[in-house]
Amino acid sequence: MGAEFNNKVRTYFNSYRYFAMSPLGKAPVNNRIERLSPLRIEDPLLWLFNQFQFIEAKN
């Protein structure tokens, strides 16, 4: 992500986070996905739930 994108996010949103996640879990081999092993895909949703006080965050 470039600086321009980050500046736009800062302009339009008071609260934001960036998340590293992988819907596949690993890179495809020969354009084929052997097995899905998603990693940390729930993190953005959990962060939103915490922001709206639906759940409490662990420290």
PDB file of N, CA and C in Angstrom:
ATOM      1  N   MET A   1       0.836  -1.169   0.000  1.00  0.00           N
ATOM      2  CA  MET A   1       0.000   0.000   0.000  1.00  0.00           C
ATOM      3  C   MET A   1       0.887   1.240   0.000  1.00  0.00           C
ATOM      4  N   GLY A   2       0.480   2.178  -0.770  1.00  0.00           N
ATOM      5  CA  GLY A   2       1.267   3.392  -0.871  1.00  0.00           C
ATOM      6  C   GLY A   2       0.828   4.465   0.101  1.00  0.00           C
ATOM      7  N   ALA A   3       1.618   5.501   0.141  1.00  0.00           N
ATOM      8  CA  ALA A   3       1.341   6.624   1.036  1.00  0.00           C
ATOM      9  C   ALA A   3       0.027   7.310   0.678  1.00  0.00           C
ATOM     10  N   GLU A   4      -0.301   7.364  -0.599  1.00  0.00           N
ATOM     11  CA  GLU A   4      -1.548   8.014  -1.018  1.00  0.00           C
ATOM     12  C   GLU A   4      -2.760   7.291  -0.440  1.00  0.00           C
ATOM     13  N   PHE A   5      -2.744   5.969  -0.499  1.00  0.00           N
ATOM     14  CA  PHE A   5      -3.842   5.187   0.072  1.00  0.00           C
ATOM     15  C   PHE A   5      -3.953   5.448   1.572  1.00  0.00           C
ATOM     16  N   ASN A   6      -2.827   5.395   2.265  1.00  0.00           N
ATOM     17  CA  ASN A   6      -2.823   5.617   3.706  1.00  0.00           C
ATOM     18  C   ASN A   6      -3.335   7.009   4.057  1.00  0.00           C
ATOM     19  N   ASN A   7      -2.969   8.004   3.285  1.00  0.00           N
ATOM     20  CA  ASN A   7      -3.455   9.369   3.529  1.00  0.00           C
ATOM     21  C   ASN A   7      -4.960   9.464   3.353  1.00  0.00           C
ATOM     22  N   LYS A   8      -5.507   8.775   2.363  1.00  0.00           N
ATOM     23  CA  LYS A   8      -6.967   8.792   2.166  1.00  0.00           C
ATOM     24  C   LYS A   8      -7.678   8.114   3.326  1.00  0.00           C
ATOM     25  N   VAL A   9      -7.137   7.001   3.797  1.00  0.00           N
ATOM     26  CA  VAL A   9      -7.739   6.319   4.942  1.00  0.00           C
ATOM     27  C   VAL A   9      -7.741   7.246   6.150  1.00  0.00           C
ATOM     28  N   ARG A  10      -6.625   7.901   6.414  1.00  0.00           N
ATOM     29  CA  ARG A  10      -6.536   8.828   7.549  1.00  0.00           C
ATOM     30  C   ARG A  10      -7.520   9.989   7.416  1.00  0.00           C
ATOM     31  N   THR A  11      -7.767  10.429   6.185  1.00  0.00           N
ATOM     32  CA  THR A  11      -8.680  11.545   5.944  1.00  0.00           C
ATOM     33  C   THR A  11     -10.129  11.160   6.227  1.00  0.00           C
ATOM     34  N   TYR A  12     -10.528   9.961   5.815  1.00  0.00           N
ATOM     35  CA  TYR A  12     -11.940   9.582   5.873  1.00  0.00           C
ATOM     36  C   TYR A  12     -12.341   8.769   7.102  1.00  0.00           C
ATOM     37  N   PHE A  13     -11.379   8.239   7.845  1.00  0.00           N
ATOM     38  CA  PHE A  13     -11.709   7.374   8.982  1.00  0.00           C
ATOM     39  C   PHE A  13     -10.947   7.803  10.228  1.00  0.00           C
ATOM     40  N   ASN A  14     -11.654   7.890  11.353  1.00  0.00           N
ATOM     41  CA  ASN A  14     -11.014   8.210  12.629  1.00  0.00           C
ATOM     42  C   ASN A  14     -10.312   7.001  13.223  1.00  0.00           C
ATOM     43  N   SER A  15     -10.886   5.847  13.018  1.00  0.00           N
ATOM     44  CA  SER A  15     -10.354   4.619  13.594  1.00  0.00           C
ATOM     45  C   SER A  15     -10.201   3.588  12.483  1.00  0.00           C
ATOM     46  N   TYR A  16      -9.002   3.063  12.343  1.00  0.00           N
ATOM     47  CA  TYR A  16      -8.753   2.060  11.307  1.00  0.00           C
ATOM     48  C   TYR A  16      -7.579   1.186  11.705  1.00  0.00           C
ATOM     49  N   ARG A  17      -7.490   0.006  11.115  1.00  0.00           N
ATOM     50  CA  ARG A  17      -6.373  -0.914  11.307  1.00  0.00           C
ATOM     51  C   ARG A  17      -6.121  -1.632   9.990  1.00  0.00           C
ATOM     52  N   TYR A  18      -4.895  -2.069   9.816  1.00  0.00           N
ATOM     53  CA  TYR A  18      -4.530  -2.919   8.686  1.00  0.00           C
ATOM     54  C   TYR A  18      -4.278  -4.322   9.231  1.00  0.00           C
ATOM     55  N   PHE A  19      -4.720  -5.322   8.489  1.00  0.00           N
ATOM     56  CA  PHE A  19      -4.604  -6.700   8.947  1.00  0.00           C
ATOM     57  C   PHE A  19      -3.866  -7.545   7.915  1.00  0.00           C
ATOM     58  N   ALA A  20      -2.980  -8.395   8.407  1.00  0.00           N
ATOM     59  CA  ALA A  20      -2.321  -9.389   7.554  1.00  0.00           C
ATOM     60  C   ALA A  20      -3.106 -10.684   7.686  1.00  0.00           C
ATOM     61  N   MET A  21      -3.560 -11.204   6.568  1.00  0.00           N
ATOM     62  CA  MET A  21      -4.322 -12.449   6.591  1.00  0.00           C
ATOM     63  C   MET A  21      -4.141 -13.163   5.261  1.00  0.00           C
ATOM     64  N   SER A  22      -4.527 -14.429   5.242  1.00  0.00           N
ATOM     65  CA  SER A  22      -4.425 -15.218   4.021  1.00  0.00           C
ATOM     66  C   SER A  22      -5.657 -16.101   3.882  1.00  0.00           C
ATOM     67  N   PRO A  23      -6.495 -15.861   2.875  1.00  0.00           N
ATOM     68  CA  PRO A  23      -7.657 -16.729   2.680  1.00  0.00           C
ATOM     69  C   PRO A  23      -7.270 -18.131   2.212  1.00  0.00           C
ATOM     70  N   LEU A  24      -6.093 -18.267   1.588  1.00  0.00           N
ATOM     71  CA  LEU A  24      -5.652 -19.576   1.101  1.00  0.00           C
ATOM     72  C   LEU A  24      -4.768 -20.308   2.101  1.00  0.00           C
ATOM     73  N   GLY A  25      -3.979 -19.585   2.854  1.00  0.00           N
ATOM     74  CA  GLY A  25      -3.072 -20.197   3.810  1.00  0.00           C
ATOM     75  C   GLY A  25      -1.671 -20.387   3.279  1.00  0.00           C
ATOM     76  N   LYS A  26      -1.548 -20.578   1.979  1.00  0.00           N
ATOM     77  CA  LYS A  26      -0.239 -20.681   1.333  1.00  0.00           C
ATOM     78  C   LYS A  26      -0.409 -20.407  -0.149  1.00  0.00           C
ATOM     79  N   ALA A  27       0.699 -20.165  -0.813  1.00  0.00           N
ATOM     80  CA  ALA A  27       0.650 -19.830  -2.238  1.00  0.00           C
ATOM     81  C   ALA A  27       0.260 -21.048  -3.073  1.00  0.00           C
ATOM     82  N   PRO A  28      -0.524 -20.838  -4.134  1.00  0.00           N
ATOM     83  CA  PRO A  28      -0.853 -21.939  -5.039  1.00  0.00           C
ATOM     84  C   PRO A  28       0.407 -22.474  -5.724  1.00  0.00           C
ATOM     85  N   VAL A  29       0.394 -23.763  -6.038  1.00  0.00           N
ATOM     86  CA  VAL A  29       1.490 -24.399  -6.768  1.00  0.00           C
ATOM     87  C   VAL A  29       0.964 -24.757  -8.148  1.00  0.00           C
ATOM     88  N   ASN A  30       1.623 -24.251  -9.187  1.00  0.00           N
ATOM     89  CA  ASN A  30       1.172 -24.468 -10.570  1.00  0.00           C
ATOM     90  C   ASN A  30      -0.278 -24.030 -10.760  1.00  0.00           C
ATOM     91  N   ASN A  31      -0.630 -22.885 -10.151  1.00  0.00           N
ATOM     92  CA  ASN A  31      -1.986 -22.324 -10.229  1.00  0.00           C
ATOM     93  C   ASN A  31      -3.052 -23.233  -9.637  1.00  0.00           C
ATOM     94  N   ARG A  32      -2.662 -24.120  -8.761  1.00  0.00           N
ATOM     95  CA  ARG A  32      -3.616 -25.018  -8.103  1.00  0.00           C
ATOM     96  C   ARG A  32      -3.506 -24.852  -6.593  1.00  0.00           C
ATOM     97  N   ILE A  33      -4.648 -24.922  -5.952  1.00  0.00           N
ATOM     98  CA  ILE A  33      -4.702 -24.830  -4.495  1.00  0.00           C
ATOM     99  C   ILE A  33      -4.880 -26.244  -3.963  1.00  0.00           C
ATOM    100  N   GLU A  34      -3.885 -26.716  -3.222  1.00  0.00           N
ATOM    101  CA  GLU A  34      -3.965 -28.081  -2.700  1.00  0.00           C
ATOM    102  C   GLU A  34      -5.020 -28.207  -1.607  1.00  0.00           C
ATOM    103  N   ARG A  35      -4.962 -27.305  -0.652  1.00  0.00           N
ATOM    104  CA  ARG A  35      -5.888 -27.369   0.475  1.00  0.00           C
ATOM    105  C   ARG A  35      -6.025 -25.972   1.061  1.00  0.00           C
ATOM    106  N   LEU A  36      -7.233 -25.560   1.350  1.00  0.00           N
ATOM    107  CA  LEU A  36      -7.443 -24.257   1.981  1.00  0.00           C
ATOM    108  C   LEU A  36      -7.063 -24.337   3.456  1.00  0.00           C
ATOM    109  N   SER A  37      -6.262 -23.400   3.884  1.00  0.00           N
ATOM    110  CA  SER A  37      -5.859 -23.291   5.286  1.00  0.00           C
ATOM    111  C   SER A  37      -5.855 -21.815   5.675  1.00  0.00           C
ATOM    112  N   PRO A  38      -7.029 -21.179   5.726  1.00  0.00           N
ATOM    113  CA  PRO A  38      -7.080 -19.741   5.982  1.00  0.00           C
ATOM    114  C   PRO A  38      -6.384 -19.366   7.288  1.00  0.00           C
ATOM    115  N   LEU A  39      -5.697 -18.215   7.253  1.00  0.00           N
ATOM    116  CA  LEU A  39      -4.967 -17.729   8.419  1.00  0.00           C
ATOM    117  C   LEU A  39      -5.466 -16.344   8.814  1.00  0.00           C
ATOM    118  N   ARG A  40      -5.930 -16.217  10.036  1.00  0.00           N
ATOM    119  CA  ARG A  40      -6.300 -14.948  10.665  1.00  0.00           C
ATOM    120  C   ARG A  40      -7.383 -14.167   9.908  1.00  0.00           C
ATOM    121  N   ILE A  41      -8.246 -14.866   9.185  1.00  0.00           N
ATOM    122  CA  ILE A  41      -9.271 -14.161   8.417  1.00  0.00           C
ATOM    123  C   ILE A  41     -10.359 -13.554   9.302  1.00  0.00           C
ATOM    124  N   GLU A  42     -10.436 -14.004  10.545  1.00  0.00           N
ATOM    125  CA  GLU A  42     -11.455 -13.474  11.451  1.00  0.00           C
ATOM    126  C   GLU A  42     -11.028 -12.171  12.123  1.00  0.00           C
ATOM    127  N   ASP A  43      -9.761 -11.822  12.050  1.00  0.00           N
ATOM    128  CA  ASP A  43      -9.250 -10.650  12.775  1.00  0.00           C
ATOM    129  C   ASP A  43      -9.979  -9.344  12.456  1.00  0.00           C
ATOM    130  N   PRO A  44     -10.238  -9.006  11.195  1.00  0.00           N
ATOM    131  CA  PRO A  44     -10.961  -7.747  10.929  1.00  0.00           C
ATOM    132  C   PRO A  44     -12.361  -7.721  11.546  1.00  0.00           C
ATOM    133  N   LEU A  45     -13.051  -8.835  11.481  1.00  0.00           N
ATOM    134  CA  LEU A  45     -14.398  -8.897  12.051  1.00  0.00           C
ATOM    135  C   LEU A  45     -14.350  -8.788  13.576  1.00  0.00           C
ATOM    136  N   LEU A  46     -13.396  -9.464  14.196  1.00  0.00           N
ATOM    137  CA  LEU A  46     -13.259  -9.366  15.649  1.00  0.00           C
ATOM    138  C   LEU A  46     -12.910  -7.945  16.071  1.00  0.00           C
ATOM    139  N   TRP A  47     -12.073  -7.280  15.296  1.00  0.00           N
ATOM    140  CA  TRP A  47     -11.731  -5.885  15.603  1.00  0.00           C
ATOM    141  C   TRP A  47     -12.979  -5.004  15.528  1.00  0.00           C
ATOM    142  N   LEU A  48     -13.793  -5.196  14.484  1.00  0.00           N
ATOM    143  CA  LEU A  48     -15.038  -4.423  14.367  1.00  0.00           C
ATOM    144  C   LEU A  48     -15.980  -4.703  15.529  1.00  0.00           C
ATOM    145  N   PHE A  49     -16.127  -5.977  15.899  1.00  0.00           N
ATOM    146  CA  PHE A  49     -16.975  -6.320  17.044  1.00  0.00           C
ATOM    147  C   PHE A  49     -16.495  -5.604  18.299  1.00  0.00           C
ATOM    148  N   ASN A  50     -15.189  -5.537  18.486  1.00  0.00           N
ATOM    149  CA  ASN A  50     -14.641  -4.835  19.640  1.00  0.00           C
ATOM    150  C   ASN A  50     -14.899  -3.336  19.547  1.00  0.00           C
ATOM    151  N   GLN A  51     -14.751  -2.758  18.378  1.00  0.00           N
ATOM    152  CA  GLN A  51     -14.974  -1.322  18.200  1.00  0.00           C
ATOM    153  C   GLN A  51     -16.415  -0.936  18.527  1.00  0.00           C
ATOM    154  N   PHE A  52     -17.351  -1.820  18.210  1.00  0.00           N
ATOM    155  CA  PHE A  52     -18.765  -1.554  18.489  1.00  0.00           C
ATOM    156  C   PHE A  52     -19.201  -2.126  19.841  1.00  0.00           C
ATOM    157  N   GLN A  53     -18.222  -2.563  20.629  1.00  0.00           N
ATOM    158  CA  GLN A  53     -18.422  -3.075  21.986  1.00  0.00           C
ATOM    159  C   GLN A  53     -19.352  -4.283  22.050  1.00  0.00           C
ATOM    160  N   PHE A  54     -19.304  -5.113  21.010  1.00  0.00           N
ATOM    161  CA  PHE A  54     -20.034  -6.383  21.052  1.00  0.00           C
ATOM    162  C   PHE A  54     -19.237  -7.431  21.819  1.00  0.00           C
ATOM    163  N   ILE A  55     -17.901  -7.286  21.800  1.00  0.00           N
ATOM    164  CA  ILE A  55     -17.014  -8.187  22.528  1.00  0.00           C
ATOM    165  C   ILE A  55     -15.905  -7.357  23.167  1.00  0.00           C
ATOM    166  N   GLU A  56     -15.268  -7.933  24.195  1.00  0.00           N
ATOM    167  CA  GLU A  56     -14.125  -7.278  24.827  1.00  0.00           C
ATOM    168  C   GLU A  56     -12.836  -7.863  24.273  1.00  0.00           C
ATOM    169  N   ALA A  57     -11.826  -7.023  24.148  1.00  0.00           N
ATOM    170  CA  ALA A  57     -10.520  -7.478  23.668  1.00  0.00           C
ATOM    171  C   ALA A  57      -9.694  -7.995  24.835  1.00  0.00           C
ATOM    172  N   LYS A  58      -8.861  -8.996  24.553  1.00  0.00           N
ATOM    173  CA  LYS A  58      -7.888  -9.464  25.538  1.00  0.00           C
ATOM    174  C   LYS A  58      -6.657  -8.587  25.442  1.00  0.00           C
ATOM    175  N   ASN A  59      -6.024  -8.346  26.564  1.00  0.00           N
ATOM    176  CA  ASN A  59      -4.776  -7.559  26.553  1.00  0.00           C
ATOM    177  C   ASN A  59      -3.581  -8.451  26.376  1.00  0.00           C
TER     178      ASN A  59
END
